[in-house]
Amino acid sequence: MKTVSGVATAERYLADLRSHLESIARLGHSGVPRNEINPGLRLAVHGRYNIYFRVTPTKTTIARVLHSARDVRRLSFHEDPAPPLAPASL
């Protein structure tokens, strides 16, 4: 069973993650290039999670948010045709 403090902790973490994602959107050129995984892919670290994203002249696209222990060599980082999450869903 989840505790009230556990829910509050999760909500704070999601707010921090959202802030970091918004920062990436504003400053898309930041992050470490990860062209060896997929051309144009960049990486930003958020705690124990890695945020993989791409930057074009018109938009910044978050490809994946993964735990840093994941083996990313086995994952696909091609454009995902799935619709984006609604802002309230993050």
C-alpha atoms as a PDB file:
ATOM      1  CA  MET A   1       0.000   0.000   0.000  1.00  0.00           C
ATOM      2  CA  LYS A   2       1.310   3.451  -0.915  1.00  0.00           C
ATOM      3  CA  THR A   3       1.789   5.952   1.833  1.00  0.00           C
ATOM      4  CA  VAL A   4       0.907   9.624   1.664  1.00  0.00           C
ATOM      5  CA  SER A   5       4.596  10.514   1.944  1.00  0.00           C
ATOM      6  CA  GLY A   6       5.411   8.072  -0.873  1.00  0.00           C
ATOM      7  CA  VAL A   7       2.865   9.733  -3.127  1.00  0.00           C
ATOM      8  CA  ALA A   8       4.234  13.169  -2.220  1.00  0.00           C
ATOM      9  CA  THR A   9       7.764  11.979  -3.005  1.00  0.00           C
ATOM     10  CA  ALA A  10       6.634  10.645  -6.384  1.00  0.00           C
ATOM     11  CA  GLU A  11       4.826  13.899  -7.158  1.00  0.00           C
ATOM     12  CA  ARG A  12       7.950  15.926  -6.295  1.00  0.00           C
ATOM     13  CA  TYR A  13      10.102  13.671  -8.469  1.00  0.00           C
ATOM     14  CA  LEU A  14       7.700  14.031 -11.407  1.00  0.00           C
ATOM     15  CA  ALA A  15       7.651  17.823 -10.959  1.00  0.00           C
ATOM     16  CA  ASP A  16      11.469  17.861 -10.970  1.00  0.00           C
ATOM     17  CA  LEU A  17      11.549  15.615 -14.053  1.00  0.00           C
ATOM     18  CA  ARG A  18       9.018  17.830 -15.830  1.00  0.00           C
ATOM     19  CA  SER A  19      11.144  20.883 -15.036  1.00  0.00           C
ATOM     20  CA  HIS A  20      14.217  19.130 -16.437  1.00  0.00           C
ATOM     21  CA  LEU A  21      12.331  18.151 -19.615  1.00  0.00           C
ATOM     22  CA  GLU A  22      11.161  21.753 -20.050  1.00  0.00           C
ATOM     23  CA  SER A  23      14.759  22.918 -19.623  1.00  0.00           C
ATOM     24  CA  ILE A  24      15.884  20.481 -22.331  1.00  0.00           C
ATOM     25  CA  ALA A  25      13.139  21.843 -24.599  1.00  0.00           C
ATOM     26  CA  ARG A  26      14.377  25.416 -24.045  1.00  0.00           C
ATOM     27  CA  LEU A  27      18.096  24.588 -24.325  1.00  0.00           C
ATOM     28  CA  GLY A  28      17.998  21.664 -26.749  1.00  0.00           C
ATOM     29  CA  HIS A  29      21.648  22.027 -27.685  1.00  0.00           C
ATOM     30  CA  SER A  30      22.634  20.888 -24.196  1.00  0.00           C
ATOM     31  CA  GLY A  31      23.262  17.255 -23.404  1.00  0.00           C
ATOM     32  CA  VAL A  32      25.916  14.811 -24.474  1.00  0.00           C
ATOM     33  CA  PRO A  33      25.867  13.535 -28.062  1.00  0.00           C
ATOM     34  CA  ARG A  34      25.150   9.785 -28.284  1.00  0.00           C
ATOM     35  CA  ASN A  35      25.624   9.325 -32.028  1.00  0.00           C
ATOM     36  CA  GLU A  36      27.091   5.862 -31.440  1.00  0.00           C
ATOM     37  CA  ILE A  37      23.637   4.723 -30.281  1.00  0.00           C
ATOM     38  CA  ASN A  38      21.674   6.574 -32.969  1.00  0.00           C
ATOM     39  CA  PRO A  39      22.657   9.593 -35.102  1.00  0.00           C
ATOM     40  CA  GLY A  40      21.423  12.859 -33.608  1.00  0.00           C
ATOM     41  CA  LEU A  41      20.613  11.355 -30.225  1.00  0.00           C
ATOM     42  CA  ARG A  42      21.611  13.328 -27.124  1.00  0.00           C
ATOM     43  CA  LEU A  43      21.674  12.453 -23.417  1.00  0.00           C
ATOM     44  CA  ALA A  44      20.894  14.377 -20.238  1.00  0.00           C
ATOM     45  CA  VAL A  45      21.087  12.805 -16.779  1.00  0.00           C
ATOM     46  CA  HIS A  46      18.324  13.238 -14.197  1.00  0.00           C
ATOM     47  CA  GLY A  47      19.246  11.463 -10.980  1.00  0.00           C
ATOM     48  CA  ARG A  48      19.343   7.748 -11.727  1.00  0.00           C
ATOM     49  CA  TYR A  49      17.585   8.240 -15.050  1.00  0.00           C
ATOM     50  CA  ASN A  50      18.914   9.080 -18.493  1.00  0.00           C
ATOM     51  CA  ILE A  51      16.877  11.286 -20.789  1.00  0.00           C
ATOM     52  CA  TYR A  52      17.516  10.591 -24.468  1.00  0.00           C
ATOM     53  CA  PHE A  53      16.384  13.278 -26.895  1.00  0.00           C
ATOM     54  CA  ARG A  54      16.814  14.770 -30.368  1.00  0.00           C
ATOM     55  CA  VAL A  55      16.971  18.389 -31.437  1.00  0.00           C
ATOM     56  CA  THR A  56      15.884  19.748 -34.819  1.00  0.00           C
ATOM     57  CA  PRO A  57      15.633  23.381 -35.883  1.00  0.00           C
ATOM     58  CA  THR A  58      11.929  23.410 -34.979  1.00  0.00           C
ATOM     59  CA  LYS A  59      11.534  21.045 -32.027  1.00  0.00           C
ATOM     60  CA  THR A  60      13.093  18.975 -29.279  1.00  0.00           C
ATOM     61  CA  THR A  61      11.818  15.412 -29.016  1.00  0.00           C
ATOM     62  CA  ILE A  62      12.257  13.256 -25.930  1.00  0.00           C
ATOM     63  CA  ALA A  63      12.950   9.739 -27.216  1.00  0.00           C
ATOM     64  CA  ARG A  64      13.102   7.859 -23.916  1.00  0.00           C
ATOM     65  CA  VAL A  65      13.604   8.263 -20.180  1.00  0.00           C
ATOM     66  CA  LEU A  66      15.392   5.166 -18.870  1.00  0.00           C
ATOM     67  CA  HIS A  67      17.003   3.999 -15.654  1.00  0.00           C
ATOM     68  CA  SER A  68      20.764   4.407 -15.973  1.00  0.00           C
ATOM     69  CA  ALA A  69      21.291   0.653 -15.399  1.00  0.00           C
ATOM     70  CA  ARG A  70      19.475  -0.234 -18.648  1.00  0.00           C
ATOM     71  CA  ASP A  71      21.518  -1.623 -21.542  1.00  0.00           C
ATOM     72  CA  VAL A  72      20.579   0.902 -24.219  1.00  0.00           C
ATOM     73  CA  ARG A  73      22.416  -0.983 -26.968  1.00  0.00           C
ATOM     74  CA  ARG A  74      19.461  -3.390 -27.140  1.00  0.00           C
ATOM     75  CA  LEU A  75      16.834  -0.654 -27.544  1.00  0.00           C
ATOM     76  CA  SER A  76      15.520   1.162 -30.586  1.00  0.00           C
ATOM     77  CA  PHE A  77      15.806   4.940 -30.658  1.00  0.00           C
ATOM     78  CA  HIS A  78      14.092   5.540 -33.975  1.00  0.00           C
ATOM     79  CA  GLU A  79      11.267   8.034 -34.183  1.00  0.00           C
ATOM     80  CA  ASP A  80       8.289   6.698 -32.253  1.00  0.00           C
ATOM     81  CA  PRO A  81       5.000   7.067 -34.158  1.00  0.00           C
ATOM     82  CA  ALA A  82       3.022   7.055 -30.895  1.00  0.00           C
ATOM     83  CA  PRO A  83       1.225  10.305 -30.051  1.00  0.00           C
ATOM     84  CA  PRO A  84       2.832  12.488 -27.379  1.00  0.00           C
ATOM     85  CA  LEU A  85       1.606  12.407 -23.793  1.00  0.00           C
ATOM     86  CA  ALA A  86      -0.739  15.138 -22.717  1.00  0.00           C
ATOM     87  CA  PRO A  87       1.038  17.654 -20.412  1.00  0.00           C
ATOM     88  CA  ALA A  88      -1.052  16.560 -17.408  1.00  0.00           C
ATOM     89  CA  SER A  89       0.171  12.960 -17.895  1.00  0.00           C
ATOM     90  CA  LEU A  90       3.824  13.627 -17.092  1.00  0.00           C
END
